Amino acid sequence: MLRSCVKDTDHRKRRASFIKMKICELLKSGYSKISLVRGAAFLDCEVVLSYLLGVSKEYLLAHGDEVISEEDALLFDSYMDRIVLGEPVSYITCHKEFYGNDFFVDKRVLVPRPETEMIVEMVISFLEGVVKYADDGRKLKLVDVGTGSGCIAISIAKHFRDYLDDPLDEVFAVDVSEDALDVCRINVEQHGLENKIQPLQSDLLEFLEDDEVCDIIVANLPYIGEVENRFVEKNVEKFEPNVALFGGDDGLELYKKMFQQIKEKNVKFRLMIGEFGFAQGEKMRELLSKYFEQDEWGIYKDLAGIERMFVVKKKY
């Protein structure tokens, strides 16, 4: 009975501490709680409180003396507790910016990473060259393999949506996970691309017919190794879907499988771009040399100087 009374007293004290708390005080409280575990602690606090109150970060700074309701203050504090445990802020707010666009995300998909924007940039550059120099006027098909939230396919398609000579005809956002595809569909609809992008369940490129032409293939497949190259933060493994993280013993099993599908189905493409992980450059070179001619592929570094992308270019 005494233990119960102590707990109840602690709970009342906690609630009392959030009565008539101002925005600036709440941000300070959140920062104090998460600063030891988050490098961008104050920014995270702003993002979460902006989401909770439905206002901009600029509003928070301009209205620091505004008093927040006890209910909102307690909810904000519970979000800070989740961040302390390692949960991504994007899973709390259900939002993540990628390539200048806002995407819905939750625990069914990976949180999009900034380095993956390099895929989008490279495809857009290629397609803008097609628009400028193409003389046959044929529109192209793009397949985004392992689409997750759909951020890659959507960012590319949205870039060209207002072009008078949009080079894209069909865009397939492919994933083996129906849960991930549900998230992708939300984003496709949110960005008004229902008539351009088709979310599709498939085991990599299994859905393609033999000898099918698939002009552009982009892939950000699970590439963390379960035995080798197991470079993964504990919080990432704990909170993000493991099916979207791990790619077999060495992390490249799904790329091997996709390359084999391309070979067996004789899939014709002009450009293929994929992302791989830290310290996998040599393994990826071996894999690419097994399936493609030496002059068809290259390895590219990200802005941090880490080998991150492979590019295969072919003629058909």
C-alpha atoms as a PDB file:
ATOM      1  CA  MET A   1       0.000   0.000   0.000  1.00  0.00           C
ATOM      2  CA  LEU A   2       2.836   2.374   0.873  1.00  0.00           C
ATOM      3  CA  ARG A   3       4.589   1.569  -2.460  1.00  0.00           C
ATOM      4  CA  SER A   4       1.406   2.429  -4.366  1.00  0.00           C
ATOM      5  CA  CYS A   5       1.115   5.769  -2.562  1.00  0.00           C
ATOM      6  CA  VAL A   6       4.730   6.631  -3.439  1.00  0.00           C
ATOM      7  CA  LYS A   7       4.110   5.892  -7.113  1.00  0.00           C
ATOM      8  CA  ASP A   8       0.971   8.002  -7.113  1.00  0.00           C
ATOM      9  CA  THR A   9       2.832  10.897  -5.464  1.00  0.00           C
ATOM     10  CA  ASP A  10       5.598  10.719  -8.077  1.00  0.00           C
ATOM     11  CA  HIS A  11       3.014  10.706 -10.862  1.00  0.00           C
ATOM     12  CA  ARG A  12       1.268  13.781  -9.425  1.00  0.00           C
ATOM     13  CA  LYS A  13       4.604  15.590  -9.095  1.00  0.00           C
ATOM     14  CA  ARG A  14       5.400  14.844 -12.726  1.00  0.00           C
ATOM     15  CA  ARG A  15       2.017  16.101 -13.891  1.00  0.00           C
ATOM     16  CA  ALA A  16       2.339  19.214 -11.764  1.00  0.00           C
ATOM     17  CA  SER A  17       5.693  20.044 -13.335  1.00  0.00           C
ATOM     18  CA  PHE A  18       3.990  20.367 -16.737  1.00  0.00           C
ATOM     19  CA  ILE A  19       1.139  22.650 -15.672  1.00  0.00           C
ATOM     20  CA  LYS A  20       1.347  26.101 -17.306  1.00  0.00           C
ATOM     21  CA  MET A  21       4.654  25.317 -19.003  1.00  0.00           C
ATOM     22  CA  LYS A  22       5.704  27.669 -21.793  1.00  0.00           C
ATOM     23  CA  ILE A  23       6.952  26.600 -25.227  1.00  0.00           C
ATOM     24  CA  CYS A  24      10.492  27.760 -24.424  1.00  0.00           C
ATOM     25  CA  GLU A  25      10.447  25.869 -21.114  1.00  0.00           C
ATOM     26  CA  LEU A  26       9.146  22.705 -22.758  1.00  0.00           C
ATOM     27  CA  LEU A  27      11.860  22.825 -25.407  1.00  0.00           C
ATOM     28  CA  LYS A  28      14.468  23.280 -22.693  1.00  0.00           C
ATOM     29  CA  SER A  29      13.036  20.350 -20.757  1.00  0.00           C
ATOM     30  CA  GLY A  30      13.083  18.127 -23.825  1.00  0.00           C
ATOM     31  CA  TYR A  31      16.651  19.134 -24.672  1.00  0.00           C
ATOM     32  CA  SER A  32      17.804  18.285 -21.142  1.00  0.00           C
ATOM     33  CA  LYS A  33      16.263  14.837 -21.462  1.00  0.00           C
ATOM     34  CA  ILE A  34      17.617  13.808 -24.876  1.00  0.00           C
ATOM     35  CA  SER A  35      20.850  15.804 -25.298  1.00  0.00           C
ATOM     36  CA  LEU A  36      22.994  12.987 -23.946  1.00  0.00           C
ATOM     37  CA  VAL A  37      21.764  10.552 -26.608  1.00  0.00           C
ATOM     38  CA  ARG A  38      21.063  12.833 -29.594  1.00  0.00           C
ATOM     39  CA  GLY A  39      23.572  15.050 -31.372  1.00  0.00           C
ATOM     40  CA  ALA A  40      20.853  17.271 -32.866  1.00  0.00           C
ATOM     41  CA  ALA A  41      18.815  17.330 -29.681  1.00  0.00           C
ATOM     42  CA  PHE A  42      17.377  20.846 -29.911  1.00  0.00           C
ATOM     43  CA  LEU A  43      16.394  20.384 -33.546  1.00  0.00           C
ATOM     44  CA  ASP A  44      14.672  17.109 -32.635  1.00  0.00           C
ATOM     45  CA  CYS A  45      12.769  18.885 -29.875  1.00  0.00           C
ATOM     46  CA  GLU A  46      11.635  21.568 -32.313  1.00  0.00           C
ATOM     47  CA  VAL A  47      10.576  18.999 -34.907  1.00  0.00           C
ATOM     48  CA  VAL A  48       8.570  16.972 -32.404  1.00  0.00           C
ATOM     49  CA  LEU A  49       6.881  19.957 -30.748  1.00  0.00           C
ATOM     50  CA  SER A  50       6.079  21.504 -34.152  1.00  0.00           C
ATOM     51  CA  TYR A  51       4.442  18.222 -35.150  1.00  0.00           C
ATOM     52  CA  LEU A  52       2.547  17.948 -31.869  1.00  0.00           C
ATOM     53  CA  LEU A  53       1.172  21.502 -31.971  1.00  0.00           C
ATOM     54  CA  GLY A  54       0.712  21.633 -35.740  1.00  0.00           C
ATOM     55  CA  VAL A  55       2.850  24.761 -36.117  1.00  0.00           C
ATOM     56  CA  SER A  56       6.151  25.666 -37.790  1.00  0.00           C
ATOM     57  CA  LYS A  57       9.514  25.761 -36.051  1.00  0.00           C
ATOM     58  CA  GLU A  58       9.531  29.500 -36.692  1.00  0.00           C
ATOM     59  CA  TYR A  59       6.283  29.770 -34.742  1.00  0.00           C
ATOM     60  CA  LEU A  60       7.907  28.097 -31.740  1.00  0.00           C
ATOM     61  CA  LEU A  61      10.722  30.626 -31.703  1.00  0.00           C
ATOM     62  CA  ALA A  62       8.367  33.581 -32.108  1.00  0.00           C
ATOM     63  CA  HIS A  63       5.928  32.395 -29.416  1.00  0.00           C
ATOM     64  CA  GLY A  64       8.267  31.038 -26.756  1.00  0.00           C
ATOM     65  CA  ASP A  65       6.160  32.493 -23.940  1.00  0.00           C
ATOM     66  CA  GLU A  66       2.952  30.781 -25.077  1.00  0.00           C
ATOM     67  CA  VAL A  67       1.630  28.366 -22.439  1.00  0.00           C
ATOM     68  CA  ILE A  68       1.067  24.768 -23.530  1.00  0.00           C
ATOM     69  CA  SER A  69      -1.744  22.587 -22.223  1.00  0.00           C
ATOM     70  CA  GLU A  70      -0.851  19.978 -19.640  1.00  0.00           C
ATOM     71  CA  GLU A  71      -2.023  17.236 -21.998  1.00  0.00           C
ATOM     72  CA  ASP A  72       0.279  18.372 -24.818  1.00  0.00           C
ATOM     73  CA  ALA A  73       3.188  18.879 -22.446  1.00  0.00           C
ATOM     74  CA  LEU A  74       2.845  15.349 -21.061  1.00  0.00           C
ATOM     75  CA  LEU A  75       2.563  13.906 -24.572  1.00  0.00           C
ATOM     76  CA  PHE A  76       5.694  15.797 -25.645  1.00  0.00           C
ATOM     77  CA  ASP A  77       7.537  14.395 -22.633  1.00  0.00           C
ATOM     78  CA  SER A  78       6.463  10.862 -23.579  1.00  0.00           C
ATOM     79  CA  TYR A  79       7.876  11.439 -27.070  1.00  0.00           C
ATOM     80  CA  MET A  80      11.170  12.488 -25.510  1.00  0.00           C
ATOM     81  CA  ASP A  81      11.177   9.208 -23.562  1.00  0.00           C
ATOM     82  CA  ARG A  82      10.837   7.317 -26.862  1.00  0.00           C
ATOM     83  CA  ILE A  83      13.746   9.226 -28.364  1.00  0.00           C
ATOM     84  CA  VAL A  84      15.904   8.412 -25.324  1.00  0.00           C
ATOM     85  CA  LEU A  85      15.186   4.726 -25.999  1.00  0.00           C
ATOM     86  CA  GLY A  86      16.495   5.178 -29.545  1.00  0.00           C
ATOM     87  CA  GLU A  87      13.319   5.399 -31.599  1.00  0.00           C
ATOM     88  CA  PRO A  88      13.772   7.507 -34.765  1.00  0.00           C
ATOM     89  CA  VAL A  89      12.089  10.901 -34.613  1.00  0.00           C
ATOM     90  CA  SER A  90      10.521  10.146 -38.003  1.00  0.00           C
ATOM     91  CA  TYR A  91       8.550   7.258 -36.499  1.00  0.00           C
ATOM     92  CA  ILE A  92       7.137   9.630 -33.885  1.00  0.00           C
ATOM     93  CA  THR A  93       6.142  12.351 -36.349  1.00  0.00           C
ATOM     94  CA  CYS A  94       5.445   9.943 -39.259  1.00  0.00           C
ATOM     95  CA  HIS A  95       7.283  12.370 -41.547  1.00  0.00           C
ATOM     96  CA  LYS A  96      10.684  12.474 -43.234  1.00  0.00           C
ATOM     97  CA  GLU A  97      12.042  14.915 -45.776  1.00  0.00           C
ATOM     98  CA  PHE A  98      13.829  13.394 -48.755  1.00  0.00           C
ATOM     99  CA  TYR A  99      15.047  15.269 -51.827  1.00  0.00           C
ATOM    100  CA  GLY A 100      13.035  18.315 -50.764  1.00  0.00           C
ATOM    101  CA  ASN A 101       9.778  16.359 -50.493  1.00  0.00           C
ATOM    102  CA  ASP A 102       7.827  15.276 -47.422  1.00  0.00           C
ATOM    103  CA  PHE A 103       7.148  11.556 -47.035  1.00  0.00           C
ATOM    104  CA  PHE A 104       4.948   9.568 -44.682  1.00  0.00           C
ATOM    105  CA  VAL A 105       6.956   6.896 -42.865  1.00  0.00           C
ATOM    106  CA  ASP A 106       6.272   4.493 -40.035  1.00  0.00           C
ATOM    107  CA  LYS A 107       7.730   1.271 -38.647  1.00  0.00           C
ATOM    108  CA  ARG A 108       6.802  -0.658 -41.804  1.00  0.00           C
ATOM    109  CA  VAL A 109       9.582   1.018 -43.815  1.00  0.00           C
ATOM    110  CA  LEU A 110      13.121   2.282 -43.383  1.00  0.00           C
ATOM    111  CA  VAL A 111      13.626   5.959 -42.683  1.00  0.00           C
ATOM    112  CA  PRO A 112      15.009   7.452 -45.947  1.00  0.00           C
ATOM    113  CA  ARG A 113      18.692   8.429 -45.703  1.00  0.00           C
ATOM    114  CA  PRO A 114      20.262  11.546 -47.231  1.00  0.00           C
ATOM    115  CA  GLU A 115      22.933   9.539 -49.075  1.00  0.00           C
ATOM    116  CA  THR A 116      20.211   7.767 -51.069  1.00  0.00           C
ATOM    117  CA  GLU A 117      19.357  11.101 -52.708  1.00  0.00           C
ATOM    118  CA  MET A 118      22.422  10.431 -54.877  1.00  0.00           C
ATOM    119  CA  ILE A 119      20.405   7.793 -56.764  1.00  0.00           C
ATOM    120  CA  VAL A 120      17.718  10.348 -57.527  1.00  0.00           C
ATOM    121  CA  GLU A 121      20.259  12.912 -58.699  1.00  0.00           C
ATOM    122  CA  MET A 122      22.000  10.441 -61.012  1.00  0.00           C
ATOM    123  CA  VAL A 123      18.758   9.222 -62.602  1.00  0.00           C
ATOM    124  CA  ILE A 124      17.468  12.769 -63.104  1.00  0.00           C
ATOM    125  CA  SER A 125      20.759  13.730 -64.770  1.00  0.00           C
ATOM    126  CA  PHE A 126      20.492  10.723 -67.096  1.00  0.00           C
ATOM    127  CA  LEU A 127      16.854  11.440 -67.957  1.00  0.00           C
ATOM    128  CA  GLU A 128      17.494  15.120 -68.611  1.00  0.00           C
ATOM    129  CA  GLY A 129      20.117  13.996 -71.111  1.00  0.00           C
ATOM    130  CA  VAL A 130      17.522  11.743 -72.717  1.00  0.00           C
ATOM    131  CA  VAL A 131      15.108  14.681 -72.996  1.00  0.00           C
ATOM    132  CA  LYS A 132      17.798  16.874 -74.544  1.00  0.00           C
ATOM    133  CA  TYR A 133      19.326  14.435 -77.003  1.00  0.00           C
ATOM    134  CA  ALA A 134      16.654  11.800 -77.747  1.00  0.00           C
ATOM    135  CA  ASP A 135      15.443  11.769 -81.324  1.00  0.00           C
ATOM    136  CA  ASP A 136      12.969   8.898 -81.313  1.00  0.00           C
ATOM    137  CA  GLY A 137      10.557  10.384 -78.733  1.00  0.00           C
ATOM    138  CA  ARG A 138      10.059   7.007 -76.997  1.00  0.00           C
ATOM    139  CA  LYS A 139       9.122   7.284 -73.345  1.00  0.00           C
ATOM    140  CA  LEU A 140      10.937   5.120 -70.816  1.00  0.00           C
ATOM    141  CA  LYS A 141      10.001   2.632 -68.113  1.00  0.00           C
ATOM    142  CA  LEU A 142      11.555   2.894 -64.644  1.00  0.00           C
ATOM    143  CA  VAL A 143      11.514   0.200 -61.965  1.00  0.00           C
ATOM    144  CA  ASP A 144      12.376   1.043 -58.348  1.00  0.00           C
ATOM    145  CA  VAL A 145      13.280  -2.266 -56.674  1.00  0.00           C
ATOM    146  CA  GLY A 146      12.884  -2.425 -52.900  1.00  0.00           C
ATOM    147  CA  THR A 147      10.910   0.805 -52.951  1.00  0.00           C
ATOM    148  CA  GLY A 148       9.944   0.942 -49.257  1.00  0.00           C
ATOM    149  CA  SER A 149       8.292   4.329 -48.715  1.00  0.00           C
ATOM    150  CA  GLY A 150       8.528   5.027 -52.453  1.00  0.00           C
ATOM    151  CA  CYS A 151      10.782   8.039 -51.915  1.00  0.00           C
ATOM    152  CA  ILE A 152      13.117   7.308 -54.854  1.00  0.00           C
ATOM    153  CA  ALA A 153      10.450   6.610 -57.477  1.00  0.00           C
ATOM    154  CA  ILE A 154       8.268   9.499 -56.299  1.00  0.00           C
ATOM    155  CA  SER A 155      11.127  12.008 -56.203  1.00  0.00           C
ATOM    156  CA  ILE A 156      12.149  11.130 -59.769  1.00  0.00           C
ATOM    157  CA  ALA A 157       8.616  11.089 -61.165  1.00  0.00           C
ATOM    158  CA  LYS A 158       7.684  14.314 -59.397  1.00  0.00           C
ATOM    159  CA  HIS A 159      10.734  16.100 -60.807  1.00  0.00           C
ATOM    160  CA  PHE A 160       9.548  15.447 -64.363  1.00  0.00           C
ATOM    161  CA  ARG A 161       5.797  15.771 -63.784  1.00  0.00           C
ATOM    162  CA  ASP A 162       5.589  19.337 -65.055  1.00  0.00           C
ATOM    163  CA  TYR A 163       7.915  18.794 -68.024  1.00  0.00           C
ATOM    164  CA  LEU A 164       6.199  19.198 -71.386  1.00  0.00           C
ATOM    165  CA  ASP A 165       8.396  16.321 -72.578  1.00  0.00           C
ATOM    166  CA  ASP A 166       8.340  14.073 -69.508  1.00  0.00           C
ATOM    167  CA  PRO A 167      10.635  11.167 -70.500  1.00  0.00           C
ATOM    168  CA  LEU A 168       8.896   8.660 -68.225  1.00  0.00           C
ATOM    169  CA  ASP A 169       6.010   6.488 -69.347  1.00  0.00           C
ATOM    170  CA  GLU A 170       5.628   3.851 -66.615  1.00  0.00           C
ATOM    171  CA  VAL A 171       7.104   3.797 -63.113  1.00  0.00           C
ATOM    172  CA  PHE A 172       6.879   0.606 -61.051  1.00  0.00           C
ATOM    173  CA  ALA A 173       7.548   0.832 -57.296  1.00  0.00           C
ATOM    174  CA  VAL A 174       8.355  -2.759 -56.368  1.00  0.00           C
ATOM    175  CA  ASP A 175       8.700  -4.379 -52.961  1.00  0.00           C
ATOM    176  CA  VAL A 176       8.358  -7.875 -51.551  1.00  0.00           C
ATOM    177  CA  SER A 177       6.620  -6.461 -48.457  1.00  0.00           C
ATOM    178  CA  GLU A 178       2.919  -5.622 -48.736  1.00  0.00           C
ATOM    179  CA  ASP A 179       3.254  -3.587 -45.535  1.00  0.00           C
ATOM    180  CA  ALA A 180       5.870  -1.405 -47.205  1.00  0.00           C
ATOM    181  CA  LEU A 181       3.716  -1.076 -50.311  1.00  0.00           C
ATOM    182  CA  ASP A 182       0.842   0.220 -48.171  1.00  0.00           C
ATOM    183  CA  VAL A 183       3.136   3.045 -47.049  1.00  0.00           C
ATOM    184  CA  CYS A 184       4.263   3.598 -50.637  1.00  0.00           C
ATOM    185  CA  ARG A 185       0.645   3.930 -51.792  1.00  0.00           C
ATOM    186  CA  ILE A 186       0.019   6.602 -49.159  1.00  0.00           C
ATOM    187  CA  ASN A 187       2.951   8.599 -50.507  1.00  0.00           C
ATOM    188  CA  VAL A 188       2.027   8.097 -54.148  1.00  0.00           C
ATOM    189  CA  GLU A 189      -1.437   9.468 -53.408  1.00  0.00           C
ATOM    190  CA  GLN A 190      -0.071  12.266 -51.215  1.00  0.00           C
ATOM    191  CA  HIS A 191       2.081  13.486 -54.103  1.00  0.00           C
ATOM    192  CA  GLY A 192      -0.657  13.074 -56.709  1.00  0.00           C
ATOM    193  CA  LEU A 193       1.171  10.472 -58.789  1.00  0.00           C
ATOM    194  CA  GLU A 194      -1.455   7.723 -58.949  1.00  0.00           C
ATOM    195  CA  ASN A 195      -1.526   7.934 -62.755  1.00  0.00           C
ATOM    196  CA  LYS A 196       2.248   7.640 -63.046  1.00  0.00           C
ATOM    197  CA  ILE A 197       3.480   5.213 -60.366  1.00  0.00           C
ATOM    198  CA  GLN A 198       2.253   1.660 -59.879  1.00  0.00           C
ATOM    199  CA  PRO A 199       3.166   0.015 -56.538  1.00  0.00           C
ATOM    200  CA  LEU A 200       3.688  -3.689 -57.182  1.00  0.00           C
ATOM    201  CA  GLN A 201       4.420  -6.701 -54.985  1.00  0.00           C
ATOM    202  CA  SER A 202       7.233  -8.820 -56.396  1.00  0.00           C
ATOM    203  CA  ASP A 203      10.334 -10.703 -55.319  1.00  0.00           C
ATOM    204  CA  LEU A 204      12.787  -8.263 -56.910  1.00  0.00           C
ATOM    205  CA  LEU A 205      12.354  -8.467 -60.728  1.00  0.00           C
ATOM    206  CA  GLU A 206      10.330 -11.672 -60.714  1.00  0.00           C
ATOM    207  CA  PHE A 207       7.341  -9.832 -62.234  1.00  0.00           C
ATOM    208  CA  LEU A 208       9.171  -9.032 -65.468  1.00  0.00           C
ATOM    209  CA  GLU A 209       8.659 -11.180 -68.563  1.00  0.00           C
ATOM    210  CA  ASP A 210      11.551 -12.762 -70.423  1.00  0.00           C
ATOM    211  CA  ASP A 211      13.264 -10.344 -72.844  1.00  0.00           C
ATOM    212  CA  GLU A 212      11.323  -7.413 -71.373  1.00  0.00           C
ATOM    213  CA  VAL A 213      12.689  -3.920 -71.867  1.00  0.00           C
ATOM    214  CA  CYS A 214      13.112  -2.091 -68.578  1.00  0.00           C
ATOM    215  CA  ASP A 215      14.944   1.116 -69.407  1.00  0.00           C
ATOM    216  CA  ILE A 216      15.978   2.203 -65.908  1.00  0.00           C
ATOM    217  CA  ILE A 217      16.398   0.039 -62.817  1.00  0.00           C
ATOM    218  CA  VAL A 218      17.090   1.636 -59.431  1.00  0.00           C
ATOM    219  CA  ALA A 219      17.638  -0.388 -56.294  1.00  0.00           C
ATOM    220  CA  ASN A 220      18.294   0.326 -52.644  1.00  0.00           C
ATOM    221  CA  LEU A 221      18.102  -3.243 -51.411  1.00  0.00           C
ATOM    222  CA  PRO A 222      18.872  -4.490 -47.893  1.00  0.00           C
ATOM    223  CA  TYR A 223      22.671  -4.681 -47.791  1.00  0.00           C
ATOM    224  CA  ILE A 224      23.710  -5.156 -44.160  1.00  0.00           C
ATOM    225  CA  GLY A 225      25.433  -8.510 -43.688  1.00  0.00           C
ATOM    226  CA  GLU A 226      24.156 -10.942 -41.093  1.00  0.00           C
ATOM    227  CA  VAL A 227      27.668 -12.382 -40.688  1.00  0.00           C
ATOM    228  CA  GLU A 228      30.110 -10.200 -42.669  1.00  0.00           C
ATOM    229  CA  ASN A 229      29.774  -6.415 -42.911  1.00  0.00           C
ATOM    230  CA  ARG A 230      27.326  -6.244 -40.030  1.00  0.00           C
ATOM    231  CA  PHE A 231      27.694  -2.501 -39.688  1.00  0.00           C
ATOM    232  CA  VAL A 232      24.419  -1.449 -38.099  1.00  0.00           C
ATOM    233  CA  GLU A 233      23.578   0.758 -35.137  1.00  0.00           C
ATOM    234  CA  LYS A 234      21.761  -0.995 -32.303  1.00  0.00           C
ATOM    235  CA  ASN A 235      18.854   1.446 -32.425  1.00  0.00           C
ATOM    236  CA  VAL A 236      18.451   0.970 -36.174  1.00  0.00           C
ATOM    237  CA  GLU A 237      18.293  -2.804 -35.763  1.00  0.00           C
ATOM    238  CA  LYS A 238      15.926  -2.446 -32.813  1.00  0.00           C
ATOM    239  CA  PHE A 239      13.373  -0.120 -34.397  1.00  0.00           C
ATOM    240  CA  GLU A 240      13.586  -0.350 -38.186  1.00  0.00           C
ATOM    241  CA  PRO A 241      12.242  -3.390 -40.114  1.00  0.00           C
ATOM    242  CA  ASN A 242      14.915  -6.071 -40.279  1.00  0.00           C
ATOM    243  CA  VAL A 243      13.580  -7.377 -43.582  1.00  0.00           C
ATOM    244  CA  ALA A 244      14.633  -4.045 -45.086  1.00  0.00           C
ATOM    245  CA  LEU A 245      18.055  -4.059 -43.415  1.00  0.00           C
ATOM    246  CA  PHE A 246      19.707  -7.450 -43.825  1.00  0.00           C
ATOM    247  CA  GLY A 247      20.817  -8.925 -47.145  1.00  0.00           C
ATOM    248  CA  GLY A 248      22.141 -12.381 -46.297  1.00  0.00           C
ATOM    249  CA  ASP A 249      25.493 -13.407 -44.844  1.00  0.00           C
ATOM    250  CA  ASP A 250      27.587 -10.791 -46.652  1.00  0.00           C
ATOM    251  CA  GLY A 251      24.795  -8.274 -47.297  1.00  0.00           C
ATOM    252  CA  LEU A 252      24.811  -8.639 -51.082  1.00  0.00           C
ATOM    253  CA  GLU A 253      22.639 -11.729 -51.529  1.00  0.00           C
ATOM    254  CA  LEU A 254      19.680  -9.783 -52.898  1.00  0.00           C
ATOM    255  CA  TYR A 255      21.846  -7.994 -55.452  1.00  0.00           C
ATOM    256  CA  LYS A 256      23.222 -11.365 -56.565  1.00  0.00           C
ATOM    257  CA  LYS A 257      19.675 -12.639 -56.928  1.00  0.00           C
ATOM    258  CA  MET A 258      18.559  -9.565 -58.914  1.00  0.00           C
ATOM    259  CA  PHE A 259      21.552  -9.762 -61.261  1.00  0.00           C
ATOM    260  CA  GLN A 260      20.803 -13.444 -61.800  1.00  0.00           C
ATOM    261  CA  GLN A 261      17.183 -12.621 -62.631  1.00  0.00           C
ATOM    262  CA  ILE A 262      18.370 -10.053 -65.185  1.00  0.00           C
ATOM    263  CA  LYS A 263      20.619 -12.666 -66.773  1.00  0.00           C
ATOM    264  CA  GLU A 264      18.070 -15.494 -66.804  1.00  0.00           C
ATOM    265  CA  LYS A 265      15.209 -13.308 -68.054  1.00  0.00           C
ATOM    266  CA  ASN A 266      17.457 -11.441 -70.479  1.00  0.00           C
ATOM    267  CA  VAL A 267      16.103  -8.150 -69.155  1.00  0.00           C
ATOM    268  CA  LYS A 268      17.136  -5.258 -71.393  1.00  0.00           C
ATOM    269  CA  PHE A 269      17.989  -1.961 -69.718  1.00  0.00           C
ATOM    270  CA  ARG A 270      19.954   1.206 -70.387  1.00  0.00           C
ATOM    271  CA  LEU A 271      20.766   2.287 -66.830  1.00  0.00           C
ATOM    272  CA  MET A 272      20.896   0.502 -63.478  1.00  0.00           C
ATOM    273  CA  ILE A 273      21.895   2.242 -60.252  1.00  0.00           C
ATOM    274  CA  GLY A 274      22.087   0.670 -56.812  1.00  0.00           C
ATOM    275  CA  GLU A 275      23.246   1.539 -53.305  1.00  0.00           C
ATOM    276  CA  PHE A 276      25.481  -0.673 -51.187  1.00  0.00           C
ATOM    277  CA  GLY A 277      27.097  -0.438 -47.781  1.00  0.00           C
ATOM    278  CA  PHE A 278      30.325   0.540 -46.079  1.00  0.00           C
ATOM    279  CA  ALA A 279      33.345  -1.652 -46.962  1.00  0.00           C
ATOM    280  CA  GLN A 280      31.436  -3.586 -49.658  1.00  0.00           C
ATOM    281  CA  GLY A 281      33.135  -1.946 -52.637  1.00  0.00           C
ATOM    282  CA  GLU A 282      35.464  -4.837 -53.500  1.00  0.00           C
ATOM    283  CA  LYS A 283      32.721  -7.440 -53.087  1.00  0.00           C
ATOM    284  CA  MET A 284      30.454  -5.391 -55.325  1.00  0.00           C
ATOM    285  CA  ARG A 285      33.197  -5.125 -57.965  1.00  0.00           C
ATOM    286  CA  GLU A 286      33.543  -8.914 -57.976  1.00  0.00           C
ATOM    287  CA  LEU A 287      29.792  -9.310 -58.316  1.00  0.00           C
ATOM    288  CA  LEU A 288      29.430  -6.781 -61.121  1.00  0.00           C
ATOM    289  CA  SER A 289      32.350  -8.257 -63.081  1.00  0.00           C
ATOM    290  CA  LYS A 290      30.657 -11.653 -62.924  1.00  0.00           C
ATOM    291  CA  TYR A 291      27.428 -10.450 -64.539  1.00  0.00           C
ATOM    292  CA  PHE A 292      28.395  -7.454 -66.705  1.00  0.00           C
ATOM    293  CA  GLU A 293      31.187  -6.428 -69.073  1.00  0.00           C
ATOM    294  CA  GLN A 294      34.028  -4.452 -67.519  1.00  0.00           C
ATOM    295  CA  ASP A 295      33.322  -1.319 -69.559  1.00  0.00           C
ATOM    296  CA  GLU A 296      29.626  -1.287 -68.601  1.00  0.00           C
ATOM    297  CA  TRP A 297      29.851  -0.531 -64.890  1.00  0.00           C
ATOM    298  CA  GLY A 298      31.476   1.770 -62.359  1.00  0.00           C
ATOM    299  CA  ILE A 299      31.586   2.428 -58.602  1.00  0.00           C
ATOM    300  CA  TYR A 300      30.911   5.916 -57.226  1.00  0.00           C
ATOM    301  CA  LYS A 301      31.575   7.563 -53.867  1.00  0.00           C
ATOM    302  CA  ASP A 302      29.114   9.593 -51.806  1.00  0.00           C
ATOM    303  CA  LEU A 303      29.793  13.084 -50.442  1.00  0.00           C
ATOM    304  CA  ALA A 304      31.619  11.561 -47.465  1.00  0.00           C
ATOM    305  CA  GLY A 305      34.078   9.847 -49.813  1.00  0.00           C
ATOM    306  CA  ILE A 306      32.642   6.381 -49.131  1.00  0.00           C
ATOM    307  CA  GLU A 307      32.022   3.993 -52.027  1.00  0.00           C
ATOM    308  CA  ARG A 308      28.238   3.924 -52.098  1.00  0.00           C
ATOM    309  CA  MET A 309      26.730   3.448 -55.599  1.00  0.00           C
ATOM    310  CA  PHE A 310      27.211   1.183 -58.574  1.00  0.00           C
ATOM    311  CA  VAL A 311      26.130   2.223 -62.054  1.00  0.00           C
ATOM    312  CA  VAL A 312      25.654  -0.099 -65.018  1.00  0.00           C
ATOM    313  CA  LYS A 313      25.040   1.339 -68.486  1.00  0.00           C
ATOM    314  CA  LYS A 314      24.134  -0.823 -71.457  1.00  0.00           C
ATOM    315  CA  LYS A 315      22.925  -0.489 -75.029  1.00  0.00           C
ATOM    316  CA  TYR A 316      20.031  -2.469 -76.474  1.00  0.00           C
END
